[in-house]
Every structure is written in C-alpha cells, then in structure tokens.
Amino acid sequence: MIPAFVRVFPAILALAVVLVVVSSTPMRAVASRTWIGAFLFSGAIALPALFLTPGTSLYGLPITVQGIRTGSFLLMRAETAATLMLVLAYTTPWTHILKALRIFRVPVVFVVILGMTCRYILLMLETAHEMFESRKSRTVNRMTPAENRRMAIASSGVLLHKTLQMSNEVYLAMQARGFRGEVYVLDDFAMQARDWLALAAFATLAGVAILVGR
C-alpha cells in the first residue's frame, strides 16, 4: 500500500509542470538545469537510504521497502521544489522577489546576502568569460596537458581574487548610493482581483494536499 504522502508529491509535481507549460518556461531548461541536477544531488543522498533503512526486504535483496519509500519521497520532494523555484525565477524579476521577501518580513541581512550572492555569481561568470576570451585570443600554439593544468590553477586564483575585489567595490558603491538592504522598485505592489483568486486557489490546493497527505 502506497502511503498518502507519497501520492501527493507526484500530483504537486504534475501541477508544477503545468505551470511550466502555461508560463512558457523553456522545458529544456527545466530538464537540464533542474530535473537532472536535483536528481543527481538528491539521488546521491537518497541512495544509502535504500540499504540502511530498516524494514521489509524487497524480494530478498539488500534493499528495503521502507528505504525505497524514503528515497522516493526525498527525490520527489527535491524535484518538485526545484521545479517551482525555477518557474518563480523565470516568471518574476529578481528585484520583485527580493522586495517580496521584505514584505514577508524576511530579515534585511538575509535579503542582502541573497542579493549579493546572486550579483557575485553573475560577476564571476562574466569575469571568467572575459578571461577565457583573453587567453584564447593570445594563444598561438597548442599547450601541453601540464601547461593547461598550470594555467587553469593560476586562472582560478586570479578569477577569485578579481571577482572578490570587484564585488567589494560594487557593495561599497551601493552603500555610497544609500543602499541599506531595502529593495525599492518602480512598481508598487497592490493586490488585484486575480491575485486574490490565485491566493485562494493556492490556499485551497495546499489545504487539500495537507489533508490527503496525512
């Protein structure tokens, strides 16, 4: 007999996939950036549970039925949460997400750390791309594997140093312009009729999922 809470997560994941299709989020991006990554990461954590969870053996194998349920629960929960987060990131501007966190009384420190982390990652990727293009334009002959390894190690150190220094400069520039953690956008948030309907639908679905999952 499959527990109720195990049956709820496939339904929530199916709803998340519907939201992906309705919001015109690229399905390829969802599969490559979310489903595969979440499966590999959570699968590596859930794999030992198949063997270590005590319970009924599955056809004489060193795998228990309870372990399969625990691993499936972890995988499905990770895939569902990652899908919903990607849909939110694709359909909502980043500044609106940060402002919404402050509306829900999330501490300013957390919002600042989250915003600066995103800026730092983008800055590091941009700097790495510029360094790669610069190195490629100045390389004439093919380098040996040993030279490639030395170049990669040296480039990693330079990349971290440059991005860390530039991120500090960006933060100081934001502080000089009056940034203290509060997120201000040109759009004023105001609940409309469709927003109340969406909130009611979400609350209803959440209540049904909780009741069914008991």
C-alpha atoms as a PDB file:
ATOM      1  CA  MET A   1       0.000   0.000   0.000  1.00  0.00           C
ATOM      2  CA  ILE A   2       1.476   3.348  -1.058  1.00  0.00           C
ATOM      3  CA  PRO A   3       1.292   5.971   1.701  1.00  0.00           C
ATOM      4  CA  ALA A   4      -0.857   9.010   1.053  1.00  0.00           C
ATOM      5  CA  PHE A   5       2.008  11.491   1.338  1.00  0.00           C
ATOM      6  CA  VAL A   6       3.888   9.653  -1.429  1.00  0.00           C
ATOM      7  CA  ARG A   7       0.903  10.020  -3.762  1.00  0.00           C
ATOM      8  CA  VAL A   8       0.607  13.755  -3.077  1.00  0.00           C
ATOM      9  CA  PHE A   9       4.035  14.738  -4.394  1.00  0.00           C
ATOM     10  CA  PRO A  10       3.505  13.382  -7.942  1.00  0.00           C
ATOM     11  CA  ALA A  11       0.318  15.448  -8.098  1.00  0.00           C
ATOM     12  CA  ILE A  12       2.162  18.593  -6.955  1.00  0.00           C
ATOM     13  CA  LEU A  13       4.959  17.893  -9.456  1.00  0.00           C
ATOM     14  CA  ALA A  14       2.385  17.477 -12.230  1.00  0.00           C
ATOM     15  CA  LEU A  15       0.892  20.839 -11.239  1.00  0.00           C
ATOM     16  CA  ALA A  16       4.372  22.376 -11.352  1.00  0.00           C
ATOM     17  CA  VAL A  17       4.856  21.008 -14.876  1.00  0.00           C
ATOM     18  CA  VAL A  18       1.523  22.569 -15.879  1.00  0.00           C
ATOM     19  CA  LEU A  19       2.776  25.897 -14.534  1.00  0.00           C
ATOM     20  CA  VAL A  20       5.956  25.461 -16.595  1.00  0.00           C
ATOM     21  CA  VAL A  21       3.907  24.991 -19.761  1.00  0.00           C
ATOM     22  CA  VAL A  22       1.450  27.814 -19.000  1.00  0.00           C
ATOM     23  CA  SER A  23       4.235  30.283 -18.147  1.00  0.00           C
ATOM     24  CA  SER A  24       6.100  29.460 -21.388  1.00  0.00           C
ATOM     25  CA  THR A  25       9.191  28.459 -19.413  1.00  0.00           C
ATOM     26  CA  PRO A  26      11.590  26.507 -21.674  1.00  0.00           C
ATOM     27  CA  MET A  27      11.070  22.839 -20.890  1.00  0.00           C
ATOM     28  CA  ARG A  28      14.619  22.090 -21.982  1.00  0.00           C
ATOM     29  CA  ALA A  29      15.960  24.495 -19.371  1.00  0.00           C
ATOM     30  CA  VAL A  30      13.796  22.885 -16.701  1.00  0.00           C
ATOM     31  CA  ALA A  31      15.057  19.418 -17.614  1.00  0.00           C
ATOM     32  CA  SER A  32      18.734  20.329 -17.900  1.00  0.00           C
ATOM     33  CA  ARG A  33      19.044  22.855 -15.074  1.00  0.00           C
ATOM     34  CA  THR A  34      16.551  21.456 -12.589  1.00  0.00           C
ATOM     35  CA  TRP A  35      15.472  17.862 -13.001  1.00  0.00           C
ATOM     36  CA  ILE A  36      18.878  16.367 -13.819  1.00  0.00           C
ATOM     37  CA  GLY A  37      20.724  18.367 -11.169  1.00  0.00           C
ATOM     38  CA  ALA A  38      18.136  17.703  -8.467  1.00  0.00           C
ATOM     39  CA  PHE A  39      18.046  14.015  -9.364  1.00  0.00           C
ATOM     40  CA  LEU A  40      21.818  13.603  -9.185  1.00  0.00           C
ATOM     41  CA  PHE A  41      22.237  15.594  -5.977  1.00  0.00           C
ATOM     42  CA  SER A  42      19.281  14.190  -4.060  1.00  0.00           C
ATOM     43  CA  GLY A  43      19.840  10.724  -5.552  1.00  0.00           C
ATOM     44  CA  ALA A  44      23.336  10.609  -4.092  1.00  0.00           C
ATOM     45  CA  ILE A  45      21.815  11.409  -0.685  1.00  0.00           C
ATOM     46  CA  ALA A  46      18.861   9.025  -1.058  1.00  0.00           C
ATOM     47  CA  LEU A  47      20.875   6.029  -2.323  1.00  0.00           C
ATOM     48  CA  PRO A  48      22.211   4.945   1.104  1.00  0.00           C
ATOM     49  CA  ALA A  49      18.656   5.012   2.480  1.00  0.00           C
ATOM     50  CA  LEU A  50      17.776   2.072   0.222  1.00  0.00           C
ATOM     51  CA  PHE A  51      20.202  -0.139   2.128  1.00  0.00           C
ATOM     52  CA  LEU A  52      20.392   1.447   5.578  1.00  0.00           C
ATOM     53  CA  THR A  53      16.692   1.975   6.324  1.00  0.00           C
ATOM     54  CA  PRO A  54      15.421  -0.951   8.409  1.00  0.00           C
ATOM     55  CA  GLY A  55      12.315  -2.722   7.225  1.00  0.00           C
ATOM     56  CA  THR A  56      10.994  -5.440   4.950  1.00  0.00           C
ATOM     57  CA  SER A  57      13.423  -6.801   2.388  1.00  0.00           C
ATOM     58  CA  LEU A  58      12.418  -6.451  -1.269  1.00  0.00           C
ATOM     59  CA  TYR A  59      12.466  -9.924  -2.881  1.00  0.00           C
ATOM     60  CA  GLY A  60      15.450 -10.988  -0.791  1.00  0.00           C
ATOM     61  CA  LEU A  61      17.579  -8.070  -1.962  1.00  0.00           C
ATOM     62  CA  PRO A  62      19.580  -5.893   0.470  1.00  0.00           C
ATOM     63  CA  ILE A  63      17.018  -3.147  -0.255  1.00  0.00           C
ATOM     64  CA  THR A  64      14.041  -2.488   1.991  1.00  0.00           C
ATOM     65  CA  VAL A  65      10.585  -1.345   1.001  1.00  0.00           C
ATOM     66  CA  GLN A  66      10.777   1.406   3.592  1.00  0.00           C
ATOM     67  CA  GLY A  67      14.103   2.530   2.086  1.00  0.00           C
ATOM     68  CA  ILE A  68      12.529   2.802  -1.363  1.00  0.00           C
ATOM     69  CA  ARG A  69       9.703   4.891   0.073  1.00  0.00           C
ATOM     70  CA  THR A  70      12.136   7.176   1.895  1.00  0.00           C
ATOM     71  CA  GLY A  71      14.328   7.631  -1.191  1.00  0.00           C
ATOM     72  CA  SER A  72      11.348   8.237  -3.453  1.00  0.00           C
ATOM     73  CA  PHE A  73       9.961  10.784  -1.031  1.00  0.00           C
ATOM     74  CA  LEU A  74      13.275  12.663  -0.978  1.00  0.00           C
ATOM     75  CA  LEU A  75      13.669  12.611  -4.774  1.00  0.00           C
ATOM     76  CA  MET A  76      10.107  13.708  -5.455  1.00  0.00           C
ATOM     77  CA  ARG A  77      10.303  16.499  -2.892  1.00  0.00           C
ATOM     78  CA  ALA A  78      13.568  17.811  -4.340  1.00  0.00           C
ATOM     79  CA  GLU A  79      12.292  17.686  -7.932  1.00  0.00           C
ATOM     80  CA  THR A  80       9.043  19.445  -7.006  1.00  0.00           C
ATOM     81  CA  ALA A  81      10.722  22.212  -5.012  1.00  0.00           C
ATOM     82  CA  ALA A  82      13.365  22.801  -7.704  1.00  0.00           C
ATOM     83  CA  THR A  83      10.719  22.990 -10.451  1.00  0.00           C
ATOM     84  CA  LEU A  84       8.616  25.528  -8.567  1.00  0.00           C
ATOM     85  CA  MET A  85      11.686  27.614  -7.764  1.00  0.00           C
ATOM     86  CA  LEU A  86      12.759  27.665 -11.422  1.00  0.00           C
ATOM     87  CA  VAL A  87       9.270  28.729 -12.539  1.00  0.00           C
ATOM     88  CA  LEU A  88       9.379  31.554  -9.988  1.00  0.00           C
ATOM     89  CA  ALA A  89      12.829  32.664 -11.165  1.00  0.00           C
ATOM     90  CA  TYR A  90      11.793  32.617 -14.844  1.00  0.00           C
ATOM     91  CA  THR A  91       8.484  34.452 -14.394  1.00  0.00           C
ATOM     92  CA  THR A  92       9.339  37.041 -11.720  1.00  0.00           C
ATOM     93  CA  PRO A  93      12.004  39.783 -11.857  1.00  0.00           C
ATOM     94  CA  TRP A  94      14.763  39.280  -9.310  1.00  0.00           C
ATOM     95  CA  THR A  95      14.158  42.663  -7.680  1.00  0.00           C
ATOM     96  CA  HIS A  96      10.496  41.790  -7.188  1.00  0.00           C
ATOM     97  CA  ILE A  97      11.472  38.548  -5.455  1.00  0.00           C
ATOM     98  CA  LEU A  98      13.761  40.423  -3.068  1.00  0.00           C
ATOM     99  CA  LYS A  99      11.086  43.029  -2.349  1.00  0.00           C
ATOM    100  CA  ALA A 100       8.518  40.280  -1.749  1.00  0.00           C
ATOM    101  CA  LEU A 101      10.853  38.713   0.809  1.00  0.00           C
ATOM    102  CA  ARG A 102      10.966  42.011   2.688  1.00  0.00           C
ATOM    103  CA  ILE A 103       7.176  42.264   2.540  1.00  0.00           C
ATOM    104  CA  PHE A 104       7.026  38.863   4.241  1.00  0.00           C
ATOM    105  CA  ARG A 105       9.306  40.284   6.967  1.00  0.00           C
ATOM    106  CA  VAL A 106      12.407  38.336   5.967  1.00  0.00           C
ATOM    107  CA  PRO A 107      15.389  39.912   7.795  1.00  0.00           C
ATOM    108  CA  VAL A 108      17.346  42.538   5.885  1.00  0.00           C
ATOM    109  CA  VAL A 109      20.592  40.632   6.423  1.00  0.00           C
ATOM    110  CA  PHE A 110      19.223  37.591   4.611  1.00  0.00           C
ATOM    111  CA  VAL A 111      17.955  39.684   1.692  1.00  0.00           C
ATOM    112  CA  VAL A 112      21.305  41.481   1.373  1.00  0.00           C
ATOM    113  CA  ILE A 113      23.241  38.201   1.434  1.00  0.00           C
ATOM    114  CA  LEU A 114      20.923  36.668  -1.151  1.00  0.00           C
ATOM    115  CA  GLY A 115      21.123  39.678  -3.448  1.00  0.00           C
ATOM    116  CA  MET A 116      24.917  39.994  -3.177  1.00  0.00           C
ATOM    117  CA  THR A 117      25.369  36.252  -3.748  1.00  0.00           C
ATOM    118  CA  CYS A 118      23.428  36.452  -6.999  1.00  0.00           C
ATOM    119  CA  ARG A 119      25.411  39.503  -8.085  1.00  0.00           C
ATOM    120  CA  TYR A 120      28.692  37.789  -7.164  1.00  0.00           C
ATOM    121  CA  ILE A 121      27.863  34.651  -9.164  1.00  0.00           C
ATOM    122  CA  LEU A 122      26.937  36.668 -12.259  1.00  0.00           C
ATOM    123  CA  LEU A 123      30.034  38.805 -11.850  1.00  0.00           C
ATOM    124  CA  MET A 124      32.254  35.742 -11.512  1.00  0.00           C
ATOM    125  CA  LEU A 125      30.771  34.167 -14.653  1.00  0.00           C
ATOM    126  CA  GLU A 126      31.250  37.374 -16.634  1.00  0.00           C
ATOM    127  CA  THR A 127      34.858  37.722 -15.453  1.00  0.00           C
ATOM    128  CA  ALA A 128      35.585  34.072 -16.243  1.00  0.00           C
ATOM    129  CA  HIS A 129      34.206  34.529 -19.762  1.00  0.00           C
ATOM    130  CA  GLU A 130      36.360  37.610 -20.310  1.00  0.00           C
ATOM    131  CA  MET A 131      39.466  35.791 -19.043  1.00  0.00           C
ATOM    132  CA  PHE A 132      38.755  32.824 -21.318  1.00  0.00           C
ATOM    133  CA  GLU A 133      38.336  35.057 -24.354  1.00  0.00           C
ATOM    134  CA  SER A 134      41.521  36.964 -23.490  1.00  0.00           C
ATOM    135  CA  ARG A 135      43.528  33.776 -23.098  1.00  0.00           C
ATOM    136  CA  LYS A 136      42.114  32.294 -26.298  1.00  0.00           C
ATOM    137  CA  SER A 137      42.992  35.403 -28.328  1.00  0.00           C
ATOM    138  CA  ARG A 138      46.612  35.317 -27.085  1.00  0.00           C
ATOM    139  CA  THR A 139      47.272  31.588 -27.520  1.00  0.00           C
ATOM    140  CA  VAL A 140      49.013  30.582 -30.741  1.00  0.00           C
ATOM    141  CA  ASN A 141      50.335  27.048 -30.312  1.00  0.00           C
ATOM    142  CA  ARG A 142      48.734  24.108 -28.549  1.00  0.00           C
ATOM    143  CA  MET A 143      49.836  23.773 -24.934  1.00  0.00           C
ATOM    144  CA  THR A 144      50.794  20.555 -23.224  1.00  0.00           C
ATOM    145  CA  PRO A 145      48.489  18.989 -20.606  1.00  0.00           C
ATOM    146  CA  ALA A 146      50.861  20.115 -17.841  1.00  0.00           C
ATOM    147  CA  GLU A 147      50.766  23.690 -19.100  1.00  0.00           C
ATOM    148  CA  ASN A 148      46.970  23.563 -19.316  1.00  0.00           C
ATOM    149  CA  ARG A 149      46.737  22.415 -15.699  1.00  0.00           C
ATOM    150  CA  ARG A 150      49.086  25.151 -14.506  1.00  0.00           C
ATOM    151  CA  MET A 151      47.143  27.731 -16.497  1.00  0.00           C
ATOM    152  CA  ALA A 152      43.813  26.513 -15.064  1.00  0.00           C
ATOM    153  CA  ILE A 153      45.086  26.676 -11.477  1.00  0.00           C
ATOM    154  CA  ALA A 154      46.551  30.140 -11.958  1.00  0.00           C
ATOM    155  CA  SER A 155      43.392  31.371 -13.694  1.00  0.00           C
ATOM    156  CA  SER A 156      41.192  30.079 -10.843  1.00  0.00           C
ATOM    157  CA  GLY A 157      43.168  32.046  -8.277  1.00  0.00           C
ATOM    158  CA  VAL A 158      43.142  35.204 -10.372  1.00  0.00           C
ATOM    159  CA  LEU A 159      39.401  34.809 -11.034  1.00  0.00           C
ATOM    160  CA  LEU A 160      38.509  34.513  -7.355  1.00  0.00           C
ATOM    161  CA  HIS A 161      40.732  37.461  -6.449  1.00  0.00           C
ATOM    162  CA  LYS A 162      39.339  39.708  -9.182  1.00  0.00           C
ATOM    163  CA  THR A 163      35.687  38.886  -8.521  1.00  0.00           C
ATOM    164  CA  LEU A 164      36.063  39.238  -4.744  1.00  0.00           C
ATOM    165  CA  GLN A 165      37.730  42.629  -5.133  1.00  0.00           C
ATOM    166  CA  MET A 166      35.157  43.828  -7.645  1.00  0.00           C
ATOM    167  CA  SER A 167      32.235  42.586  -5.533  1.00  0.00           C
ATOM    168  CA  ASN A 168      33.564  44.603  -2.589  1.00  0.00           C
ATOM    169  CA  GLU A 169      33.789  47.667  -4.815  1.00  0.00           C
ATOM    170  CA  VAL A 170      30.232  47.092  -6.035  1.00  0.00           C
ATOM    171  CA  TYR A 171      28.957  46.778  -2.465  1.00  0.00           C
ATOM    172  CA  LEU A 172      30.761  49.960  -1.388  1.00  0.00           C
ATOM    173  CA  ALA A 173      29.307  51.776  -4.400  1.00  0.00           C
ATOM    174  CA  MET A 174      25.825  50.582  -3.427  1.00  0.00           C
ATOM    175  CA  GLN A 175      26.403  51.746   0.146  1.00  0.00           C
ATOM    176  CA  ALA A 176      27.556  55.163  -1.113  1.00  0.00           C
ATOM    177  CA  ARG A 177      24.303  55.486  -3.049  1.00  0.00           C
ATOM    178  CA  GLY A 178      22.152  54.806   0.001  1.00  0.00           C
ATOM    179  CA  PHE A 179      21.606  51.041  -0.192  1.00  0.00           C
ATOM    180  CA  ARG A 180      20.903  49.591   3.269  1.00  0.00           C
ATOM    181  CA  GLY A 181      19.235  46.319   2.393  1.00  0.00           C
ATOM    182  CA  GLU A 182      15.780  47.580   1.492  1.00  0.00           C
ATOM    183  CA  VAL A 183      14.727  46.804  -2.082  1.00  0.00           C
ATOM    184  CA  TYR A 184      12.940  49.600  -3.939  1.00  0.00           C
ATOM    185  CA  VAL A 185      11.368  49.119  -7.359  1.00  0.00           C
ATOM    186  CA  LEU A 186       9.353  51.393  -9.608  1.00  0.00           C
ATOM    187  CA  ASP A 187       6.332  49.087  -9.490  1.00  0.00           C
ATOM    188  CA  ASP A 188       4.132  49.401  -6.409  1.00  0.00           C
ATOM    189  CA  PHE A 189       2.762  46.072  -5.215  1.00  0.00           C
ATOM    190  CA  ALA A 190      -1.035  46.057  -4.928  1.00  0.00           C
ATOM    191  CA  MET A 191      -3.383  43.099  -4.665  1.00  0.00           C
ATOM    192  CA  GLN A 192      -5.810  42.840  -7.556  1.00  0.00           C
ATOM    193  CA  ALA A 193      -8.786  40.553  -8.111  1.00  0.00           C
ATOM    194  CA  ARG A 194      -6.744  37.925  -9.940  1.00  0.00           C
ATOM    195  CA  ASP A 195      -4.168  37.988  -7.165  1.00  0.00           C
ATOM    196  CA  TRP A 196      -6.807  37.238  -4.552  1.00  0.00           C
ATOM    197  CA  LEU A 197      -8.155  34.419  -6.738  1.00  0.00           C
ATOM    198  CA  ALA A 198      -4.670  32.978  -7.138  1.00  0.00           C
ATOM    199  CA  LEU A 199      -4.096  33.215  -3.383  1.00  0.00           C
ATOM    200  CA  ALA A 200      -7.397  31.475  -2.664  1.00  0.00           C
ATOM    201  CA  ALA A 201      -6.587  28.730  -5.186  1.00  0.00           C
ATOM    202  CA  PHE A 202      -3.145  28.231  -3.660  1.00  0.00           C
ATOM    203  CA  ALA A 203      -4.547  28.060  -0.125  1.00  0.00           C
ATOM    204  CA  THR A 204      -7.199  25.562  -1.249  1.00  0.00           C
ATOM    205  CA  LEU A 205      -4.687  23.319  -3.003  1.00  0.00           C
ATOM    206  CA  ALA A 206      -2.316  23.499  -0.044  1.00  0.00           C
ATOM    207  CA  GLY A 207      -5.106  22.538   2.342  1.00  0.00           C
ATOM    208  CA  VAL A 208      -6.187  19.610   0.163  1.00  0.00           C
ATOM    209  CA  ALA A 209      -2.593  18.398  -0.149  1.00  0.00           C
ATOM    210  CA  ILE A 210      -2.128  18.525   3.631  1.00  0.00           C
ATOM    211  CA  LEU A 211      -5.354  16.652   4.283  1.00  0.00           C
ATOM    212  CA  VAL A 212      -4.677  13.979   1.662  1.00  0.00           C
ATOM    213  CA  GLY A 213      -1.073  13.562   2.758  1.00  0.00           C
ATOM    214  CA  ARG A 214      -1.957  12.709   6.352  1.00  0.00           C
END
